[in-house]
């Protein structure tokens, strides 16, 4: 399951630097999460860091991108491999 940021976002800027996968970026009006990069911090932390830090609790699970823990782990492994290849270049 990827997470999403709702319209309740106040653009406080705490979520973006906390994301270990670089999945959070500024959208047109509020921050957004790239579901292809969001692992809910699986592989990095026990809890999603953006959810832990968000002062307005506007980061729920994205119902359109539901994944099992094993799928999130596989995504983490894939993202790490891509990151390593980029660093080697």
PDB file of N, CA and C in Angstrom:
ATOM      1  N   UNK A   1       0.836  -1.169   0.000  1.00  0.00           N
ATOM      2  CA  UNK A   1       0.000   0.000   0.000  1.00  0.00           C
ATOM      3  C   UNK A   1       0.880   1.231   0.000  1.00  0.00           C
ATOM      4  N   UNK A   2       0.669   2.058  -0.910  1.00  0.00           N
ATOM      5  CA  UNK A   2       1.347   3.346  -0.887  1.00  0.00           C
ATOM      6  C   UNK A   2       0.499   4.294  -0.054  1.00  0.00           C
ATOM      7  N   UNK A   3       1.111   5.346   0.381  1.00  0.00           N
ATOM      8  CA  UNK A   3       0.393   6.367   1.125  1.00  0.00           C
ATOM      9  C   UNK A   3       0.036   7.498   0.181  1.00  0.00           C
ATOM     10  N   UNK A   4      -0.838   8.372   0.637  1.00  0.00           N
ATOM     11  CA  UNK A   4      -1.225   9.539  -0.151  1.00  0.00           C
ATOM     12  C   UNK A   4      -1.357  10.731   0.784  1.00  0.00           C
ATOM     13  N   UNK A   5      -1.260  11.915   0.230  1.00  0.00           N
ATOM     14  CA  UNK A   5      -1.423  13.131   1.011  1.00  0.00           C
ATOM     15  C   UNK A   5      -2.740  13.769   0.600  1.00  0.00           C
ATOM     16  N   UNK A   6      -3.575  14.067   1.586  1.00  0.00           N
ATOM     17  CA  UNK A   6      -4.891  14.622   1.301  1.00  0.00           C
ATOM     18  C   UNK A   6      -4.844  16.152   1.210  1.00  0.00           C
ATOM     19  N   UNK A   7      -5.980  16.714   0.835  1.00  0.00           N
ATOM     20  CA  UNK A   7      -6.102  18.165   0.714  1.00  0.00           C
ATOM     21  C   UNK A   7      -5.967  18.891   2.050  1.00  0.00           C
ATOM     22  N   UNK A   8      -5.917  18.156   3.143  1.00  0.00           N
ATOM     23  CA  UNK A   8      -5.729  18.779   4.459  1.00  0.00           C
ATOM     24  C   UNK A   8      -4.280  19.207   4.683  1.00  0.00           C
ATOM     25  N   UNK A   9      -3.392  18.859   3.761  1.00  0.00           N
ATOM     26  CA  UNK A   9      -1.975  19.203   3.868  1.00  0.00           C
ATOM     27  C   UNK A   9      -1.810  20.718   4.035  1.00  0.00           C
ATOM     28  N   UNK A  10      -0.952  21.115   4.978  1.00  0.00           N
ATOM     29  CA  UNK A  10      -0.685  22.533   5.220  1.00  0.00           C
ATOM     30  C   UNK A  10       0.694  22.951   4.683  1.00  0.00           C
ATOM     31  N   UNK A  11       1.317  22.079   3.890  1.00  0.00           N
ATOM     32  CA  UNK A  11       2.631  22.373   3.297  1.00  0.00           C
ATOM     33  C   UNK A  11       3.668  22.768   4.346  1.00  0.00           C
ATOM     34  N   UNK A  12       3.721  22.002   5.419  1.00  0.00           N
ATOM     35  CA  UNK A  12       4.644  22.308   6.510  1.00  0.00           C
ATOM     36  C   UNK A  12       6.088  21.881   6.196  1.00  0.00           C
ATOM     37  N   UNK A  13       6.262  21.088   5.168  1.00  0.00           N
ATOM     38  CA  UNK A  13       7.592  20.679   4.700  1.00  0.00           C
ATOM     39  C   UNK A  13       8.291  19.621   5.541  1.00  0.00           C
ATOM     40  N   UNK A  14       7.635  18.968   6.492  1.00  0.00           N
ATOM     41  CA  UNK A  14       8.332  17.967   7.290  1.00  0.00           C
ATOM     42  C   UNK A  14       8.365  16.594   6.630  1.00  0.00           C
ATOM     43  N   UNK A  15       7.417  16.298   5.766  1.00  0.00           N
ATOM     44  CA  UNK A  15       7.344  14.954   5.186  1.00  0.00           C
ATOM     45  C   UNK A  15       8.396  14.701   4.107  1.00  0.00           C
ATOM     46  N   UNK A  16       8.628  15.678   3.261  1.00  0.00           N
ATOM     47  CA  UNK A  16       9.525  15.467   2.114  1.00  0.00           C
ATOM     48  C   UNK A  16      10.926  15.014   2.522  1.00  0.00           C
ATOM     49  N   UNK A  17      11.611  15.707   3.409  1.00  0.00           N
ATOM     50  CA  UNK A  17      12.959  15.257   3.764  1.00  0.00           C
ATOM     51  C   UNK A  17      12.974  13.972   4.600  1.00  0.00           C
ATOM     52  N   UNK A  18      11.840  13.621   5.193  1.00  0.00           N
ATOM     53  CA  UNK A  18      11.782  12.413   6.026  1.00  0.00           C
ATOM     54  C   UNK A  18      11.628  11.138   5.207  1.00  0.00           C
ATOM     55  N   UNK A  19      11.259  11.255   3.940  1.00  0.00           N
ATOM     56  CA  UNK A  19      11.013  10.078   3.102  1.00  0.00           C
ATOM     57  C   UNK A  19      12.329   9.467   2.627  1.00  0.00           C
ATOM     58  N   UNK A  20      12.630   8.247   3.051  1.00  0.00           N
ATOM     59  CA  UNK A  20      13.903   7.634   2.668  1.00  0.00           C
ATOM     60  C   UNK A  20      13.968   7.205   1.207  1.00  0.00           C
ATOM     61  N   UNK A  21      12.820   7.158   0.539  1.00  0.00           N
ATOM     62  CA  UNK A  21      12.794   6.738  -0.865  1.00  0.00           C
ATOM     63  C   UNK A  21      12.666   7.910  -1.831  1.00  0.00           C
ATOM     64  N   UNK A  22      12.559   9.117  -1.329  1.00  0.00           N
ATOM     65  CA  UNK A  22      12.373  10.270  -2.208  1.00  0.00           C
ATOM     66  C   UNK A  22      11.034  10.232  -2.921  1.00  0.00           C
ATOM     67  N   UNK A  23      10.035   9.655  -2.283  1.00  0.00           N
ATOM     68  CA  UNK A  23       8.718   9.506  -2.911  1.00  0.00           C
ATOM     69  C   UNK A  23       7.852  10.746  -2.778  1.00  0.00           C
ATOM     70  N   UNK A  24       8.224  11.666  -1.919  1.00  0.00           N
ATOM     71  CA  UNK A  24       7.402  12.847  -1.663  1.00  0.00           C
ATOM     72  C   UNK A  24       8.010  14.059  -2.350  1.00  0.00           C
ATOM     73  N   UNK A  25       7.157  14.792  -3.057  1.00  0.00           N
ATOM     74  CA  UNK A  25       7.592  16.021  -3.716  1.00  0.00           C
ATOM     75  C   UNK A  25       6.441  17.022  -3.695  1.00  0.00           C
ATOM     76  N   UNK A  26       6.774  18.266  -3.964  1.00  0.00           N
ATOM     77  CA  UNK A  26       5.756  19.303  -3.994  1.00  0.00           C
ATOM     78  C   UNK A  26       4.952  19.170  -5.271  1.00  0.00           C
ATOM     79  N   UNK A  27       3.657  19.115  -5.130  1.00  0.00           N
ATOM     80  CA  UNK A  27       2.770  19.085  -6.284  1.00  0.00           C
ATOM     81  C   UNK A  27       2.361  20.492  -6.654  1.00  0.00           C
ATOM     82  N   UNK A  28       1.278  20.604  -7.397  1.00  0.00           N
ATOM     83  CA  UNK A  28       0.810  21.922  -7.826  1.00  0.00           C
ATOM     84  C   UNK A  28       0.415  22.793  -6.627  1.00  0.00           C
ATOM     85  N   UNK A  29      -0.301  22.188  -5.672  1.00  0.00           N
ATOM     86  CA  UNK A  29      -0.756  22.947  -4.505  1.00  0.00           C
ATOM     87  C   UNK A  29      -0.273  22.388  -3.174  1.00  0.00           C
ATOM     88  N   UNK A  30      -0.145  21.078  -3.099  1.00  0.00           N
ATOM     89  CA  UNK A  30       0.272  20.407  -1.875  1.00  0.00           C
ATOM     90  C   UNK A  30       1.298  19.341  -2.214  1.00  0.00           C
ATOM     91  N   UNK A  31       1.888  18.770  -1.181  1.00  0.00           N
ATOM     92  CA  UNK A  31       2.832  17.691  -1.409  1.00  0.00           C
ATOM     93  C   UNK A  31       2.100  16.469  -1.957  1.00  0.00           C
ATOM     94  N   UNK A  32       2.823  15.632  -2.671  1.00  0.00           N
ATOM     95  CA  UNK A  32       2.255  14.413  -3.237  1.00  0.00           C
ATOM     96  C   UNK A  32       3.239  13.272  -3.048  1.00  0.00           C
ATOM     97  N   UNK A  33       2.706  12.052  -3.096  1.00  0.00           N
ATOM     98  CA  UNK A  33       3.532  10.858  -2.927  1.00  0.00           C
ATOM     99  C   UNK A  33       3.480  10.041  -4.207  1.00  0.00           C
ATOM    100  N   UNK A  34       4.645   9.683  -4.718  1.00  0.00           N
ATOM    101  CA  UNK A  34       4.747   8.822  -5.898  1.00  0.00           C
ATOM    102  C   UNK A  34       4.543   7.382  -5.434  1.00  0.00           C
ATOM    103  N   UNK A  35       3.424   6.751  -5.819  1.00  0.00           N
ATOM    104  CA  UNK A  35       3.150   5.394  -5.340  1.00  0.00           C
ATOM    105  C   UNK A  35       4.174   4.363  -5.822  1.00  0.00           C
ATOM    106  N   UNK A  36       4.897   4.676  -6.883  1.00  0.00           N
ATOM    107  CA  UNK A  36       5.915   3.757  -7.379  1.00  0.00           C
ATOM    108  C   UNK A  36       7.169   3.772  -6.509  1.00  0.00           C
ATOM    109  N   UNK A  37       7.321   4.809  -5.691  1.00  0.00           N
ATOM    110  CA  UNK A  37       8.485   4.910  -4.813  1.00  0.00           C
ATOM    111  C   UNK A  37       8.147   4.707  -3.340  1.00  0.00           C
ATOM    112  N   UNK A  38       6.855   4.758  -2.992  1.00  0.00           N
ATOM    113  CA  UNK A  38       6.455   4.654  -1.585  1.00  0.00           C
ATOM    114  C   UNK A  38       6.405   3.189  -1.149  1.00  0.00           C
ATOM    115  N   UNK A  39       7.190   2.876  -0.113  1.00  0.00           N
ATOM    116  CA  UNK A  39       7.169   1.533   0.473  1.00  0.00           C
ATOM    117  C   UNK A  39       6.622   1.569   1.895  1.00  0.00           C
ATOM    118  N   UNK A  40       6.000   2.703   2.274  1.00  0.00           N
ATOM    119  CA  UNK A  40       5.550   2.908   3.649  1.00  0.00           C
ATOM    120  C   UNK A  40       6.722   2.729   4.617  1.00  0.00           C
ATOM    121  N   UNK A  41       7.896   3.049   4.155  1.00  0.00           N
ATOM    122  CA  UNK A  41       9.159   2.958   4.906  1.00  0.00           C
ATOM    123  C   UNK A  41       9.589   1.522   5.198  1.00  0.00           C
ATOM    124  N   UNK A  42       8.932   0.540   4.591  1.00  0.00           N
ATOM    125  CA  UNK A  42       9.381  -0.851   4.725  1.00  0.00           C
ATOM    126  C   UNK A  42      10.826  -0.918   4.221  1.00  0.00           C
ATOM    127  N   UNK A  43      11.662  -1.572   4.984  1.00  0.00           N
ATOM    128  CA  UNK A  43      13.075  -1.681   4.646  1.00  0.00           C
ATOM    129  C   UNK A  43      13.922  -0.596   5.286  1.00  0.00           C
ATOM    130  N   UNK A  44      13.274   0.461   5.769  1.00  0.00           N
ATOM    131  CA  UNK A  44      13.991   1.564   6.393  1.00  0.00           C
ATOM    132  C   UNK A  44      13.604   1.738   7.863  1.00  0.00           C
ATOM    133  N   UNK A  45      12.301   1.783   8.123  1.00  0.00           N
ATOM    134  CA  UNK A  45      11.779   2.056   9.466  1.00  0.00           C
ATOM    135  C   UNK A  45      10.593   1.145   9.759  1.00  0.00           C
ATOM    136  N   UNK A  46      10.230   1.050  11.019  1.00  0.00           N
ATOM    137  CA  UNK A  46       9.076   0.246  11.423  1.00  0.00           C
ATOM    138  C   UNK A  46       7.752   0.931  11.115  1.00  0.00           C
ATOM    139  N   UNK A  47       7.749   2.250  11.048  1.00  0.00           N
ATOM    140  CA  UNK A  47       6.541   3.035  10.791  1.00  0.00           C
ATOM    141  C   UNK A  47       6.829   4.046   9.686  1.00  0.00           C
ATOM    142  N   UNK A  48       5.822   4.385   8.882  1.00  0.00           N
ATOM    143  CA  UNK A  48       6.021   5.431   7.876  1.00  0.00           C
ATOM    144  C   UNK A  48       6.399   6.758   8.545  1.00  0.00           C
ATOM    145  N   UNK A  49       7.538   7.272   8.191  1.00  0.00           N
ATOM    146  CA  UNK A  49       8.041   8.484   8.818  1.00  0.00           C
ATOM    147  C   UNK A  49       7.172   9.701   8.539  1.00  0.00           C
ATOM    148  N   UNK A  50       6.644   9.806   7.335  1.00  0.00           N
ATOM    149  CA  UNK A  50       5.802  10.957   7.014  1.00  0.00           C
ATOM    150  C   UNK A  50       4.559  10.984   7.894  1.00  0.00           C
ATOM    151  N   UNK A  51       3.959   9.824   8.124  1.00  0.00           N
ATOM    152  CA  UNK A  51       2.781   9.756   8.999  1.00  0.00           C
ATOM    153  C   UNK A  51       3.148  10.132  10.425  1.00  0.00           C
ATOM    154  N   UNK A  52       4.300   9.692  10.890  1.00  0.00           N
ATOM    155  CA  UNK A  52       4.723   9.976  12.254  1.00  0.00           C
ATOM    156  C   UNK A  52       4.968  11.464  12.482  1.00  0.00           C
ATOM    157  N   UNK A  53       5.452  12.153  11.462  1.00  0.00           N
ATOM    158  CA  UNK A  53       5.822  13.558  11.600  1.00  0.00           C
ATOM    159  C   UNK A  53       4.719  14.541  11.221  1.00  0.00           C
ATOM    160  N   UNK A  54       3.751  14.122  10.456  1.00  0.00           N
ATOM    161  CA  UNK A  54       2.714  15.023   9.947  1.00  0.00           C
ATOM    162  C   UNK A  54       1.893  15.621  11.095  1.00  0.00           C
ATOM    163  N   UNK A  55       1.872  16.950  11.210  1.00  0.00           N
ATOM    164  CA  UNK A  55       1.144  17.578  12.315  1.00  0.00           C
ATOM    165  C   UNK A  55      -0.377  17.593  12.135  1.00  0.00           C
ATOM    166  N   UNK A  56      -0.855  17.328  10.926  1.00  0.00           N
ATOM    167  CA  UNK A  56      -2.308  17.363  10.698  1.00  0.00           C
ATOM    168  C   UNK A  56      -2.872  15.999  10.304  1.00  0.00           C
ATOM    169  N   UNK A  57      -2.073  14.958  10.383  1.00  0.00           N
ATOM    170  CA  UNK A  57      -2.513  13.582  10.092  1.00  0.00           C
ATOM    171  C   UNK A  57      -3.260  13.488   8.763  1.00  0.00           C
ATOM    172  N   UNK A  58      -2.617  13.977   7.705  1.00  0.00           N
ATOM    173  CA  UNK A  58      -3.256  13.985   6.381  1.00  0.00           C
ATOM    174  C   UNK A  58      -2.623  12.980   5.418  1.00  0.00           C
ATOM    175  N   UNK A  59      -2.010  11.902   5.961  1.00  0.00           N
ATOM    176  CA  UNK A  59      -1.323  10.943   5.096  1.00  0.00           C
ATOM    177  C   UNK A  59      -1.862   9.530   5.361  1.00  0.00           C
ATOM    178  N   UNK A  60      -3.011   9.214   4.765  1.00  0.00           N
ATOM    179  CA  UNK A  60      -3.580   7.872   4.919  1.00  0.00           C
ATOM    180  C   UNK A  60      -3.043   6.911   3.852  1.00  0.00           C
ATOM    181  N   UNK A  61      -3.457   5.675   3.961  1.00  0.00           N
ATOM    182  CA  UNK A  61      -3.160   4.680   2.927  1.00  0.00           C
ATOM    183  C   UNK A  61      -3.937   5.040   1.671  1.00  0.00           C
ATOM    184  N   UNK A  62      -3.292   4.949   0.540  1.00  0.00           N
ATOM    185  CA  UNK A  62      -3.930   5.229  -0.745  1.00  0.00           C
ATOM    186  C   UNK A  62      -4.726   3.996  -1.167  1.00  0.00           C
ATOM    187  N   UNK A  63      -6.061   4.065  -1.172  1.00  0.00           N
ATOM    188  CA  UNK A  63      -6.871   2.891  -1.505  1.00  0.00           C
ATOM    189  C   UNK A  63      -6.678   2.399  -2.940  1.00  0.00           C
ATOM    190  N   UNK A  64      -6.119   3.238  -3.795  1.00  0.00           N
ATOM    191  CA  UNK A  64      -5.899   2.838  -5.185  1.00  0.00           C
ATOM    192  C   UNK A  64      -4.561   2.142  -5.393  1.00  0.00           C
ATOM    193  N   UNK A  65      -3.746   2.080  -4.348  1.00  0.00           N
ATOM    194  CA  UNK A  65      -2.428   1.438  -4.450  1.00  0.00           C
ATOM    195  C   UNK A  65      -2.190   0.535  -3.251  1.00  0.00           C
ATOM    196  N   UNK A  66      -3.003  -0.487  -3.114  1.00  0.00           N
ATOM    197  CA  UNK A  66      -2.870  -1.399  -1.989  1.00  0.00           C
ATOM    198  C   UNK A  66      -1.871  -2.500  -2.309  1.00  0.00           C
ATOM    199  N   UNK A  67      -0.919  -2.708  -1.384  1.00  0.00           N
ATOM    200  CA  UNK A  67       0.117  -3.722  -1.545  1.00  0.00           C
ATOM    201  C   UNK A  67       0.298  -4.478  -0.230  1.00  0.00           C
ATOM    202  N   UNK A  68       0.704  -5.712  -0.335  1.00  0.00           N
ATOM    203  CA  UNK A  68       0.975  -6.517   0.853  1.00  0.00           C
ATOM    204  C   UNK A  68       2.357  -6.157   1.399  1.00  0.00           C
ATOM    205  N   UNK A  69       2.643  -6.524   2.636  1.00  0.00           N
ATOM    206  CA  UNK A  69       3.991  -6.288   3.170  1.00  0.00           C
ATOM    207  C   UNK A  69       5.084  -6.907   2.298  1.00  0.00           C
ATOM    208  N   UNK A  70       4.839  -8.080   1.739  1.00  0.00           N
ATOM    209  CA  UNK A  70       5.866  -8.700   0.884  1.00  0.00           C
ATOM    210  C   UNK A  70       6.032  -7.920  -0.420  1.00  0.00           C
ATOM    211  N   UNK A  71       4.969  -7.352  -0.940  1.00  0.00           N
ATOM    212  CA  UNK A  71       5.093  -6.525  -2.143  1.00  0.00           C
ATOM    213  C   UNK A  71       5.858  -5.240  -1.839  1.00  0.00           C
ATOM    214  N   UNK A  72       5.607  -4.662  -0.673  1.00  0.00           N
ATOM    215  CA  UNK A  72       6.346  -3.461  -0.271  1.00  0.00           C
ATOM    216  C   UNK A  72       7.825  -3.770  -0.097  1.00  0.00           C
ATOM    217  N   UNK A  73       8.142  -4.933   0.475  1.00  0.00           N
ATOM    218  CA  UNK A  73       9.538  -5.349   0.635  1.00  0.00           C
ATOM    219  C   UNK A  73      10.198  -5.543  -0.717  1.00  0.00           C
ATOM    220  N   UNK A  74       9.495  -6.145  -1.651  1.00  0.00           N
ATOM    221  CA  UNK A  74      10.031  -6.346  -3.006  1.00  0.00           C
ATOM    222  C   UNK A  74      10.274  -5.000  -3.689  1.00  0.00           C
ATOM    223  N   UNK A  75       9.373  -4.049  -3.488  1.00  0.00           N
ATOM    224  CA  UNK A  75       9.546  -2.715  -4.064  1.00  0.00           C
ATOM    225  C   UNK A  75      10.773  -2.042  -3.450  1.00  0.00           C
ATOM    226  N   UNK A  76      10.951  -2.186  -2.136  1.00  0.00           N
ATOM    227  CA  UNK A  76      12.121  -1.635  -1.465  1.00  0.00           C
ATOM    228  C   UNK A  76      13.407  -2.192  -2.075  1.00  0.00           C
ATOM    229  N   UNK A  77      13.463  -3.508  -2.263  1.00  0.00           N
ATOM    230  CA  UNK A  77      14.648  -4.155  -2.847  1.00  0.00           C
ATOM    231  C   UNK A  77      14.901  -3.637  -4.257  1.00  0.00           C
ATOM    232  N   UNK A  78      13.840  -3.506  -5.047  1.00  0.00           N
ATOM    233  CA  UNK A  78      13.973  -3.003  -6.419  1.00  0.00           C
ATOM    234  C   UNK A  78      14.484  -1.558  -6.411  1.00  0.00           C
ATOM    235  N   UNK A  79      13.931  -0.723  -5.543  1.00  0.00           N
ATOM    236  CA  UNK A  79      14.363   0.674  -5.471  1.00  0.00           C
ATOM    237  C   UNK A  79      15.817   0.788  -5.025  1.00  0.00           C
ATOM    238  N   UNK A  80      16.234  -0.064  -4.099  1.00  0.00           N
ATOM    239  CA  UNK A  80      17.622  -0.057  -3.643  1.00  0.00           C
ATOM    240  C   UNK A  80      18.562  -0.441  -4.786  1.00  0.00           C
ATOM    241  N   UNK A  81      18.179  -1.427  -5.571  1.00  0.00           N
ATOM    242  CA  UNK A  81      18.997  -1.857  -6.697  1.00  0.00           C
ATOM    243  C   UNK A  81      19.144  -0.743  -7.720  1.00  0.00           C
ATOM    244  N   UNK A  82      18.051  -0.046  -7.999  1.00  0.00           N
ATOM    245  CA  UNK A  82      18.093   1.073  -8.943  1.00  0.00           C
ATOM    246  C   UNK A  82      18.980   2.174  -8.399  1.00  0.00           C
ATOM    247  N   UNK A  83      18.853   2.471  -7.119  1.00  0.00           N
ATOM    248  CA  UNK A  83      19.667   3.519  -6.494  1.00  0.00           C
ATOM    249  C   UNK A  83      21.154   3.169  -6.556  1.00  0.00           C
ATOM    250  N   UNK A  84      21.492   1.925  -6.334  1.00  0.00           N
ATOM    251  CA  UNK A  84      22.896   1.488  -6.402  1.00  0.00           C
ATOM    252  C   UNK A  84      23.444   1.611  -7.814  1.00  0.00           C
ATOM    253  N   UNK A  85      22.622   1.252  -8.816  1.00  0.00           N
ATOM    254  CA  UNK A  85      23.071   1.370 -10.217  1.00  0.00           C
ATOM    255  C   UNK A  85      23.315   2.841 -10.570  1.00  0.00           C
ATOM    256  N   UNK A  86      22.456   3.728 -10.103  1.00  0.00           N
ATOM    257  CA  UNK A  86      22.611   5.150 -10.385  1.00  0.00           C
ATOM    258  C   UNK A  86      23.890   5.671  -9.724  1.00  0.00           C
ATOM    259  N   UNK A  87      24.161   5.247  -8.503  1.00  0.00           N
ATOM    260  CA  UNK A  87      25.360   5.701  -7.801  1.00  0.00           C
ATOM    261  C   UNK A  87      26.624   5.195  -8.464  1.00  0.00           C
ATOM    262  N   UNK A  88      26.567   4.018  -9.085  1.00  0.00           N
ATOM    263  CA  UNK A  88      27.734   3.444  -9.754  1.00  0.00           C
ATOM    264  C   UNK A  88      28.036   4.151 -11.071  1.00  0.00           C
ATOM    265  N   UNK A  89      27.028   4.801 -11.633  1.00  0.00           N
ATOM    266  CA  UNK A  89      27.202   5.474 -12.938  1.00  0.00           C
ATOM    267  C   UNK A  89      28.028   6.731 -12.835  1.00  0.00           C
TER     268      UNK A  89
END
